[in-house]
Structure formats: C-alpha cells, structure tokens
Amino acid sequence: MTVVEDRPATDEMLIARRAMIDSQLRVSGVNSPAILNAFNAVPREDFVPAARRAVAYIDRAVPLGDGRALSPALTYGQMLEAAQTTREDKVLVISPNGYLAALAAQLSGSVARADSLADAKGGTFSLILVDGAAEVLPDSLASLLTDEGRIVTGLSDRGVTRLAIGRAVQGKVVATPLAEADFAILAEFAAPKKWSF
C-alpha cells in the first residue's frame, strides 16, 4: 500500500511519469513529440509539496495549499498543443506554480513567469499562458501581447470551463473557446459581483 506522505523511489516516479504520458496525454490527443518530450523531461513531483509527491501524476488537480492547485497534466498538454509554441516565442506564464513554465521552457526561446497578472514584467510576449480559468479577461493582458501574439487560458462561463485561445484586438483580448477542460477559476480573473433581486 502506498501512503501519500511517503516519497516513492525515483524509479517509481519515472514509471509514473511514463504512465501519465501514455495513459493521460497520448490517449487524449496530446501527441506532439516535442510536448511529450517536455513532459518526460520535467519531473512533476518537484512542483508539489513533499506530502503530495506520491499523487503528483494522478489525472486530476493536485492541491498545493492556500487554495491553489496544480492542474492535471492533460490540461497543460491541451494548452501547449493549442499554443503551438516555437523556439521563436517569448512566453509569459501567469501561474503561482513553476510546472507550466518549466514545460514551456522546453519548447520556447524564453520564458518569464509571474505569480499574478499584477506581477507580469518583461515587455511584450508572443505567447501568454494563464494557468487557470478566467471569467473575465482584463484589457491589460492585451498590452502584454505582441501584434501577432496569442494567449491560451481557460474560460469559465456559468460554471463550465473551456480551453480558449485569444488575440489582442483593439486593446482587448478576444478569445475563442476550443473544448471543455479542467481548470481552477482564478480569483484575479473573476467577474465583478452583480447585485440582483
């Protein structure tokens, strides 16, 4: 029996990582060799608390504490497939966790990570990855994108989260939902509360 607090041996983690790639990513349409190599190169267990290492490769979000979670590997795989990242991309990853940024670094020319949109620095980016779902995409995101830049994030609409890709159009981010995906809703991208009867 495996206890969550126990740290599995390195061999077990390598086996778990391989199983994640074969049974979670490949069977769900994440088949880009570069993306699969990125998942193979980045140890997911290094981005969770020690007490959660044994469950780092499960096919659901892993709680990190303070209301944060590491999204399922499939969510990140779908994001990277939609982003079509190249070595020419300058990437901004908005995430309180470094896992998505580490994956993106395997695929792009440069990566900056910010815990929140307010912390984002470094000029403009050809790709922004937002690790979570937004009910509203702030206009300030558009100012961080290059002319041909794109943003990949989750969008939340009435409790349903979808993977979406967007571009800056006249100072606003216009996003197109692609498919349902498992994202946590981000407080900083929540819709303003409205009063109703």
Protein backbone atom coordinates (compact mmCIF):
# COMPACT_ATOMS: atom_id res chain seq x y z
CA MET A 1 0.00 0.00 0.00
CA THR A 2 1.32 3.47 -0.91
CA VAL A 3 0.83 6.20 1.67
CA VAL A 4 0.55 9.76 0.31
CA GLU A 5 3.13 11.09 2.80
CA ASP A 6 5.77 8.56 1.67
CA ARG A 7 8.04 9.65 -1.16
CA PRO A 8 8.17 6.93 -3.81
CA ALA A 9 11.59 5.95 -5.11
CA THR A 10 12.93 7.73 -8.18
CA ASP A 11 12.26 4.66 -10.33
CA GLU A 12 8.63 4.73 -9.28
CA MET A 13 8.40 8.40 -10.24
CA LEU A 14 9.89 7.70 -13.67
CA ILE A 15 7.35 4.89 -14.17
CA ALA A 16 4.52 7.18 -13.01
CA ARG A 17 5.68 9.93 -15.41
CA ARG A 18 5.77 7.48 -18.32
CA ALA A 19 2.29 6.20 -17.39
CA MET A 20 0.99 9.79 -17.30
CA ILE A 21 2.31 10.38 -20.82
CA ASP A 22 0.95 7.12 -22.22
CA SER A 23 -2.39 6.87 -20.41
CA GLN A 24 -3.39 10.51 -19.88
CA LEU A 25 -1.81 12.56 -22.67
CA ARG A 26 -1.44 10.34 -25.74
CA VAL A 27 -4.93 8.82 -25.49
CA SER A 28 -6.47 12.30 -25.22
CA GLY A 29 -4.93 13.84 -28.32
CA VAL A 30 -1.70 15.30 -26.93
CA ASN A 31 0.69 13.66 -29.36
CA SER A 32 3.25 16.28 -30.36
CA PRO A 33 6.68 14.66 -29.85
CA ALA A 34 8.12 17.94 -28.53
CA ILE A 35 5.35 18.34 -25.97
CA LEU A 36 5.58 14.71 -24.85
CA ASN A 37 9.37 15.10 -24.53
CA ALA A 38 8.79 18.20 -22.36
CA PHE A 39 6.51 16.23 -20.04
CA ASN A 40 9.09 13.46 -19.89
CA ALA A 41 11.91 15.92 -19.07
CA VAL A 42 10.15 17.87 -16.29
CA PRO A 43 9.55 15.99 -13.02
CA ARG A 44 6.02 16.94 -11.95
CA GLU A 45 6.70 15.74 -8.41
CA ASP A 46 9.17 18.62 -7.93
CA PHE A 47 6.29 21.11 -8.11
CA VAL A 48 4.06 19.74 -5.34
CA PRO A 49 4.53 19.71 -1.55
CA ALA A 50 6.52 16.75 -0.22
CA ALA A 51 3.35 15.24 1.27
CA ARG A 52 1.74 15.20 -2.20
CA ARG A 53 4.61 13.76 -4.25
CA ALA A 54 3.06 10.29 -4.31
CA VAL A 55 -0.02 11.66 -6.07
CA ALA A 56 1.77 14.10 -8.42
CA TYR A 57 0.86 12.04 -11.50
CA ILE A 58 -2.84 11.38 -10.87
CA ASP A 59 -5.19 12.56 -13.60
CA ARG A 60 -6.72 15.39 -11.60
CA ALA A 61 -5.65 18.61 -9.94
CA VAL A 62 -3.24 18.25 -7.01
CA PRO A 63 -3.94 20.63 -4.08
CA LEU A 64 -0.93 22.78 -3.22
CA GLY A 65 -2.35 24.66 -0.23
CA ASP A 66 -3.58 28.23 0.13
CA GLY A 67 -6.43 27.45 -2.28
CA ARG A 68 -4.03 26.75 -5.15
CA ALA A 69 -3.76 23.58 -7.23
CA LEU A 70 -1.51 22.04 -9.85
CA SER A 71 -3.77 21.44 -12.86
CA PRO A 72 -3.99 17.95 -14.39
CA ALA A 73 -1.24 17.13 -16.89
CA LEU A 74 -3.87 16.83 -19.64
CA THR A 75 -4.92 20.46 -19.09
CA TYR A 76 -1.33 21.62 -19.57
CA GLY A 77 -0.89 19.31 -22.56
CA GLN A 78 -4.01 20.75 -24.22
CA MET A 79 -2.77 24.28 -23.54
CA LEU A 80 0.61 23.59 -25.12
CA GLU A 81 -0.96 21.86 -28.14
CA ALA A 82 -3.27 24.87 -28.69
CA ALA A 83 -0.38 27.33 -28.23
CA GLN A 84 1.76 25.72 -30.95
CA THR A 85 4.85 27.03 -29.18
CA THR A 86 8.02 27.55 -31.19
CA ARG A 87 11.63 28.38 -30.31
CA GLU A 88 10.98 31.93 -31.54
CA ASP A 89 8.30 32.51 -28.89
CA LYS A 90 8.85 34.80 -25.94
CA VAL A 91 6.47 33.34 -23.37
CA LEU A 92 4.86 34.72 -20.22
CA VAL A 93 3.37 32.14 -17.87
CA ILE A 94 0.98 33.53 -15.27
CA SER A 95 0.99 30.87 -12.57
CA PRO A 96 1.78 30.65 -8.88
CA ASN A 97 3.47 27.31 -9.64
CA GLY A 98 6.51 26.74 -11.86
CA TYR A 99 5.45 23.50 -13.59
CA LEU A 100 3.76 25.03 -16.65
CA ALA A 101 6.67 27.48 -17.05
CA ALA A 102 9.16 24.59 -16.90
CA LEU A 103 7.22 22.75 -19.62
CA ALA A 104 7.06 25.90 -21.79
CA ALA A 105 10.80 26.43 -21.34
CA GLN A 106 11.40 23.07 -23.04
CA LEU A 107 9.53 24.35 -26.13
CA SER A 108 10.24 28.07 -26.50
CA GLY A 109 13.05 30.57 -26.77
CA SER A 110 12.46 32.34 -23.47
CA VAL A 111 10.02 32.11 -20.58
CA ALA A 112 9.10 34.56 -17.85
CA ARG A 113 6.81 33.57 -15.00
CA ALA A 114 4.63 35.78 -12.86
CA ASP A 115 2.57 34.66 -9.88
CA SER A 116 -0.21 37.00 -10.97
CA LEU A 117 -1.05 39.45 -13.74
CA ALA A 118 -0.04 42.33 -11.45
CA ASP A 119 3.47 40.83 -11.22
CA ALA A 120 3.92 40.46 -15.01
CA LYS A 121 7.03 42.25 -16.28
CA GLY A 122 9.41 41.99 -19.19
CA GLY A 123 7.83 43.88 -22.08
CA THR A 124 5.60 42.18 -24.61
CA PHE A 125 5.22 38.50 -25.33
CA SER A 126 4.30 36.42 -28.36
CA LEU A 127 2.55 33.90 -26.10
CA ILE A 128 0.87 34.19 -22.71
CA LEU A 129 -0.18 31.05 -20.85
CA VAL A 130 -2.60 31.65 -17.97
CA ASP A 131 -2.68 28.73 -15.55
CA GLY A 132 -6.37 28.74 -14.69
CA ALA A 133 -9.78 29.85 -15.86
CA ALA A 134 -10.95 33.42 -16.26
CA GLU A 135 -14.49 34.67 -16.08
CA VAL A 136 -13.24 37.99 -17.47
CA LEU A 137 -10.01 38.66 -19.38
CA PRO A 138 -8.67 42.07 -18.29
CA ASP A 139 -7.78 44.55 -21.03
CA SER A 140 -4.30 44.84 -19.51
CA LEU A 141 -3.50 41.40 -20.96
CA ALA A 142 -3.74 42.86 -24.48
CA SER A 143 -0.95 45.34 -23.72
CA LEU A 144 1.38 42.41 -22.90
CA LEU A 145 0.92 40.76 -26.31
CA THR A 146 2.92 41.46 -29.45
CA ASP A 147 0.91 42.29 -32.60
CA GLU A 148 0.71 38.63 -33.62
CA GLY A 149 0.74 37.33 -30.05
CA ARG A 150 -1.72 34.87 -28.59
CA ILE A 151 -3.00 33.91 -25.18
CA VAL A 152 -4.01 30.42 -24.07
CA THR A 153 -6.12 30.11 -20.95
CA GLY A 154 -9.27 28.65 -19.54
CA LEU A 155 -12.56 30.49 -19.78
CA SER A 156 -15.33 29.96 -17.28
CA ASP A 157 -18.94 30.53 -18.27
CA ARG A 158 -21.71 29.58 -15.84
CA GLY A 159 -19.52 27.01 -14.11
CA VAL A 160 -18.22 25.31 -17.28
CA THR A 161 -14.53 25.77 -18.02
CA ARG A 162 -13.14 25.58 -21.53
CA LEU A 163 -9.71 25.84 -23.06
CA ALA A 164 -9.51 29.01 -25.15
CA ILE A 165 -7.06 30.80 -27.41
CA GLY A 166 -7.18 34.55 -27.88
CA ARG A 167 -5.54 37.51 -29.57
CA ALA A 168 -5.42 41.23 -28.90
CA VAL A 169 -7.96 43.17 -30.97
CA GLN A 170 -8.27 46.94 -30.48
CA GLY A 171 -6.87 46.83 -26.95
CA LYS A 172 -8.92 43.87 -25.75
CA VAL A 173 -8.33 40.14 -25.69
CA VAL A 174 -10.81 38.29 -27.87
CA ALA A 175 -10.81 34.58 -27.02
CA THR A 176 -12.32 31.60 -28.81
CA PRO A 177 -13.31 28.59 -26.69
CA LEU A 178 -11.91 25.33 -28.06
CA ALA A 179 -13.04 22.47 -25.81
CA GLU A 180 -14.02 21.71 -22.23
CA ALA A 181 -11.01 21.44 -19.92
CA ASP A 182 -10.27 21.07 -16.23
CA PHE A 183 -9.19 24.48 -14.91
CA ALA A 184 -9.44 26.08 -11.49
CA ILE A 185 -11.07 29.52 -11.60
CA LEU A 186 -8.60 32.30 -10.81
CA ALA A 187 -9.74 34.90 -8.29
CA GLU A 188 -7.91 37.73 -10.10
CA PHE A 189 -9.87 36.99 -13.29
CA ALA A 190 -13.28 36.66 -11.61
CA ALA A 191 -16.26 38.61 -12.92
CA PRO A 192 -17.34 41.54 -10.75
CA LYS A 193 -20.18 40.58 -8.41
CA LYS A 194 -23.54 41.94 -9.53
CA TRP A 195 -26.49 42.74 -7.36
CA SER A 196 -29.77 41.13 -8.31
CA PHE A 197 -33.22 40.53 -6.81
